[in-house]
């Protein structure tokens, strides 16, 4: 379909900004959600979009974004937060923040947008992560992304096409707060690649895509042989 408007959370940088720019080049007006007003305004100007400054972990901010999501043709739940630390070492309140931003906000925004999307023949996109397979020292982040995958698969039965992208490591500001990326593989990919793959999959009606594509093999191996997969993960990282 041709999207006239799209709401993209986490739109001030990274995958969200890349999505906005590609959507804008297609003639779609992106509504960009984020907390950094300056960065958001800059991306909005470059993409011919609109900035909606809001904190998705705050009920009032979430309500404002939900109202905007109900008026668009495409909702992309992209905003996310990570933490690389043993579970017992996570700072107070950070578990709640990850769950609120990574999982609760997409659930509530999709719930608000679904009736309008169904009437207009719209779609929902989710940015999850290969962390759904389970990642050492990222237990809460992995859990939120796995929950998002189950939610997306379930919503697909409610009359609106749904596409989820599962990136590996993406070269974005995500790691500024999460902590530095220290593993040798997978190698970081540019956010523009993830954005392009997601939008192409949405246009083609594909339910799930992985970036890079070989990560899909890892996800299938974890699903078929979880014990073996995690033994290898512990050995090779």
Protein backbone atom coordinates (compact mmCIF):
# COMPACT_ATOMS: atom_id res chain seq x y z
CA UNK A 1 0.00 0.00 0.00
CA UNK A 2 0.96 3.66 -0.21
CA UNK A 3 1.41 5.15 3.25
CA UNK A 4 0.34 8.74 3.55
CA UNK A 5 1.56 9.06 7.13
CA UNK A 6 3.55 6.96 9.55
CA UNK A 7 4.30 7.25 13.25
CA UNK A 8 7.83 6.20 14.19
CA UNK A 9 8.92 5.99 17.83
CA UNK A 10 12.56 6.60 18.64
CA UNK A 11 12.73 8.90 15.64
CA UNK A 12 15.53 11.24 16.68
CA UNK A 13 18.46 9.02 15.66
CA UNK A 14 19.56 5.58 14.52
CA UNK A 15 17.01 3.26 12.93
CA UNK A 16 14.15 5.66 13.64
CA UNK A 17 15.83 8.55 11.83
CA UNK A 18 16.73 6.27 8.93
CA UNK A 19 13.11 5.12 8.71
CA UNK A 20 11.92 8.72 8.71
CA UNK A 21 14.24 9.73 5.88
CA UNK A 22 13.30 6.78 3.70
CA UNK A 23 9.59 7.26 4.38
CA UNK A 24 9.90 10.95 3.55
CA UNK A 25 11.61 10.12 0.26
CA UNK A 26 8.59 7.94 -0.59
CA UNK A 27 6.17 10.82 -0.13
CA UNK A 28 4.96 9.65 3.28
CA UNK A 29 4.77 12.15 6.16
CA UNK A 30 6.51 10.66 9.20
CA UNK A 31 5.42 11.66 12.70
CA UNK A 32 8.57 11.27 14.78
CA UNK A 33 8.43 10.53 18.49
CA UNK A 34 11.31 11.07 20.90
CA UNK A 35 12.52 12.92 23.96
CA UNK A 36 15.31 15.01 22.42
CA UNK A 37 13.50 18.00 20.92
CA UNK A 38 16.52 19.32 19.04
CA UNK A 39 17.49 16.06 17.36
CA UNK A 40 13.86 15.27 16.63
CA UNK A 41 13.28 18.64 14.95
CA UNK A 42 16.37 18.19 12.80
CA UNK A 43 15.23 14.79 11.53
CA UNK A 44 11.70 16.10 10.99
CA UNK A 45 13.05 18.90 8.77
CA UNK A 46 15.17 16.50 6.72
CA UNK A 47 12.31 14.05 6.24
CA UNK A 48 9.50 16.60 5.73
CA UNK A 49 7.89 15.14 8.83
CA UNK A 50 6.49 16.30 12.15
CA UNK A 51 8.12 16.09 15.56
CA UNK A 52 6.17 14.86 18.57
CA UNK A 53 8.24 15.29 21.72
CA UNK A 54 7.11 12.80 24.34
CA UNK A 55 8.43 10.39 26.93
CA UNK A 56 6.89 6.98 26.28
CA UNK A 57 7.62 5.86 29.84
CA UNK A 58 5.38 8.65 31.15
CA UNK A 59 1.61 7.98 31.05
CA UNK A 60 0.79 11.47 29.80
CA UNK A 61 3.36 11.26 27.03
CA UNK A 62 2.20 7.80 26.06
CA UNK A 63 -1.40 9.04 25.82
CA UNK A 64 -0.39 11.88 23.45
CA UNK A 65 1.48 9.51 21.19
CA UNK A 66 -1.36 6.97 21.26
CA UNK A 67 -3.76 9.64 20.02
CA UNK A 68 -1.42 10.45 17.13
CA UNK A 69 -0.88 6.77 16.32
CA UNK A 70 -4.62 6.32 15.90
CA UNK A 71 -4.55 8.69 12.90
CA UNK A 72 -1.71 7.18 10.86
CA UNK A 73 -1.47 4.52 8.14
CA UNK A 74 1.65 2.90 9.54
CA UNK A 75 2.84 2.50 13.12
CA UNK A 76 6.48 1.53 13.66
CA UNK A 77 7.39 0.67 17.23
CA UNK A 78 11.12 1.31 17.18
CA UNK A 79 12.07 3.07 20.44
CA UNK A 80 14.17 0.94 22.75
CA UNK A 81 16.61 0.94 25.63
CA UNK A 82 19.26 -1.61 26.56
CA UNK A 83 21.43 -2.53 29.49
CA UNK A 84 24.53 -4.75 29.44
CA UNK A 85 25.03 -5.97 33.00
CA UNK A 86 24.34 -8.97 35.22
CA UNK A 87 20.75 -8.90 36.40
CA UNK A 88 21.75 -8.39 40.03
CA UNK A 89 23.90 -5.39 39.07
CA UNK A 90 21.21 -3.46 37.19
CA UNK A 91 20.52 -0.05 38.76
CA UNK A 92 17.31 0.47 40.72
CA UNK A 93 14.43 1.37 38.44
CA UNK A 94 16.12 0.32 35.21
CA UNK A 95 14.18 -2.94 34.93
CA UNK A 96 10.93 -1.00 35.04
CA UNK A 97 12.24 1.53 32.50
CA UNK A 98 13.23 -1.15 30.00
CA UNK A 99 9.89 -2.91 30.31
CA UNK A 100 7.98 0.38 30.01
CA UNK A 101 9.78 1.59 26.89
CA UNK A 102 10.58 -1.66 25.09
CA UNK A 103 7.37 -3.56 25.75
CA UNK A 104 4.55 -1.65 27.46
CA UNK A 105 4.70 1.34 25.10
CA UNK A 106 4.48 -0.76 21.90
CA UNK A 107 1.60 -2.77 23.39
CA UNK A 108 -0.37 0.35 24.27
CA UNK A 109 0.37 2.23 21.05
CA UNK A 110 -0.61 -0.75 18.92
CA UNK A 111 -3.80 -1.18 20.94
CA UNK A 112 -4.70 2.48 20.33
CA UNK A 113 -3.82 2.41 16.63
CA UNK A 114 -5.37 -0.93 15.68
CA UNK A 115 -8.99 0.14 15.00
CA UNK A 116 -7.95 2.98 12.68
CA UNK A 117 -5.31 0.88 10.96
CA UNK A 118 -7.89 -1.85 10.33
CA UNK A 119 -10.31 0.67 8.76
CA UNK A 120 -7.63 2.23 6.54
CA UNK A 121 -5.84 -0.98 5.60
CA UNK A 122 -2.79 0.11 7.57
CA UNK A 123 0.12 -1.84 9.01
CA UNK A 124 2.27 -2.22 12.11
CA UNK A 125 6.04 -2.63 12.19
CA UNK A 126 8.16 -3.69 15.16
CA UNK A 127 11.88 -3.38 15.71
CA UNK A 128 12.83 -6.29 17.91
CA UNK A 129 16.33 -7.82 18.21
CA UNK A 130 18.24 -11.05 17.72
CA UNK A 131 18.50 -10.91 21.53
CA UNK A 132 15.18 -12.81 21.50
CA UNK A 133 17.31 -15.98 21.51
CA UNK A 134 18.70 -15.07 24.96
CA UNK A 135 21.90 -13.11 25.53
CA UNK A 136 24.35 -13.21 28.41
CA UNK A 137 24.16 -10.14 30.67
CA UNK A 138 21.15 -8.74 28.78
CA UNK A 139 18.40 -10.74 30.46
CA UNK A 140 15.82 -7.96 30.81
CA UNK A 141 16.44 -6.49 27.35
CA UNK A 142 16.20 -9.95 25.77
CA UNK A 143 12.97 -10.65 27.65
CA UNK A 144 11.33 -7.44 26.44
CA UNK A 145 12.30 -8.14 22.83
CA UNK A 146 11.07 -11.73 23.05
CA UNK A 147 7.80 -10.45 24.46
CA UNK A 148 7.54 -8.05 21.55
CA UNK A 149 7.97 -10.93 19.11
CA UNK A 150 5.14 -12.91 20.72
CA UNK A 151 2.94 -9.83 20.79
CA UNK A 152 3.55 -9.06 17.11
CA UNK A 153 2.76 -12.64 16.09
CA UNK A 154 -0.47 -12.51 18.09
CA UNK A 155 -1.61 -9.12 16.78
CA UNK A 156 -1.18 -10.44 13.23
CA UNK A 157 -4.32 -12.50 13.86
CA UNK A 158 -6.39 -9.36 14.48
CA UNK A 159 -6.84 -8.13 10.93
CA UNK A 160 -3.82 -5.84 10.47
CA UNK A 161 -0.61 -6.94 8.68
CA UNK A 162 2.39 -7.00 11.02
CA UNK A 163 6.11 -7.11 10.24
CA UNK A 164 8.94 -7.50 12.75
CA UNK A 165 12.62 -6.94 12.05
CA UNK A 166 15.29 -8.62 14.16
CA UNK A 167 18.59 -6.75 13.82
CA UNK A 168 21.86 -7.93 15.20
CA UNK A 169 24.19 -5.14 16.25
CA UNK A 170 23.35 -1.77 14.72
CA UNK A 171 25.79 1.13 14.60
CA UNK A 172 23.74 3.69 16.56
CA UNK A 173 23.75 5.76 19.77
CA UNK A 174 21.93 2.85 21.45
CA UNK A 175 25.26 1.76 22.93
CA UNK A 176 25.92 5.15 24.53
CA UNK A 177 23.66 4.18 27.41
CA UNK A 178 23.55 0.39 27.13
CA UNK A 179 27.32 0.03 27.35
CA UNK A 180 29.96 -0.62 24.71
CA UNK A 181 29.64 -3.55 22.33
CA UNK A 182 32.55 -5.91 22.95
CA UNK A 183 31.65 -9.11 21.06
CA UNK A 184 33.42 -10.07 17.83
CA UNK A 185 30.21 -11.11 16.05
CA UNK A 186 27.84 -10.19 14.62
CA UNK A 187 29.47 -7.11 13.14
CA UNK A 188 27.54 -3.82 13.43
CA UNK A 189 25.36 -2.88 10.45
CA UNK A 190 24.26 0.65 9.48
CA UNK A 191 20.80 1.74 10.64
CA UNK A 192 19.85 2.60 7.05
CA UNK A 193 20.14 -1.08 6.15
CA UNK A 194 17.75 -2.12 8.91
CA UNK A 195 15.27 0.61 7.96
CA UNK A 196 15.31 -0.37 4.29
CA UNK A 197 14.84 -4.08 5.05
CA UNK A 198 11.92 -3.36 7.38
CA UNK A 199 10.12 -1.06 4.93
CA UNK A 200 10.63 -3.52 2.08
CA UNK A 201 9.27 -6.36 4.22
CA UNK A 202 6.25 -4.24 5.16
CA UNK A 203 5.59 -3.51 1.49
CA UNK A 204 5.88 -7.21 0.64
CA UNK A 205 3.80 -8.39 3.59
CA UNK A 206 6.61 -10.44 5.15
CA UNK A 207 6.03 -11.30 8.80
CA UNK A 208 9.64 -11.52 10.06
CA UNK A 209 13.04 -10.49 8.70
CA UNK A 210 16.56 -10.64 10.14
CA UNK A 211 19.45 -8.23 9.56
CA UNK A 212 21.87 -9.60 8.57
CA UNK A 213 19.80 -12.42 7.11
CA UNK A 214 22.04 -15.22 8.42
CA UNK A 215 20.86 -14.43 11.95
CA UNK A 216 17.63 -16.15 11.01
CA UNK A 217 19.59 -19.41 11.14
CA UNK A 218 20.59 -18.68 14.71
CA UNK A 219 16.98 -18.00 15.67
CA UNK A 220 15.81 -21.24 14.08
CA UNK A 221 18.60 -23.21 15.76
CA UNK A 222 17.64 -21.78 19.14
CA UNK A 223 14.02 -22.73 18.56
CA UNK A 224 14.79 -26.28 17.41
CA UNK A 225 17.69 -27.14 19.74
CA UNK A 226 17.68 -24.64 22.61
CA UNK A 227 19.97 -26.60 24.95
CA UNK A 228 22.58 -27.13 22.23
CA UNK A 229 22.31 -23.53 21.10
CA UNK A 230 22.96 -22.14 24.56
CA UNK A 231 25.88 -24.51 25.20
CA UNK A 232 27.50 -23.19 22.04
CA UNK A 233 26.63 -19.62 22.99
CA UNK A 234 28.34 -20.03 26.36
CA UNK A 235 31.43 -21.42 24.66
CA UNK A 236 31.75 -19.04 21.73
CA UNK A 237 29.93 -15.93 23.00
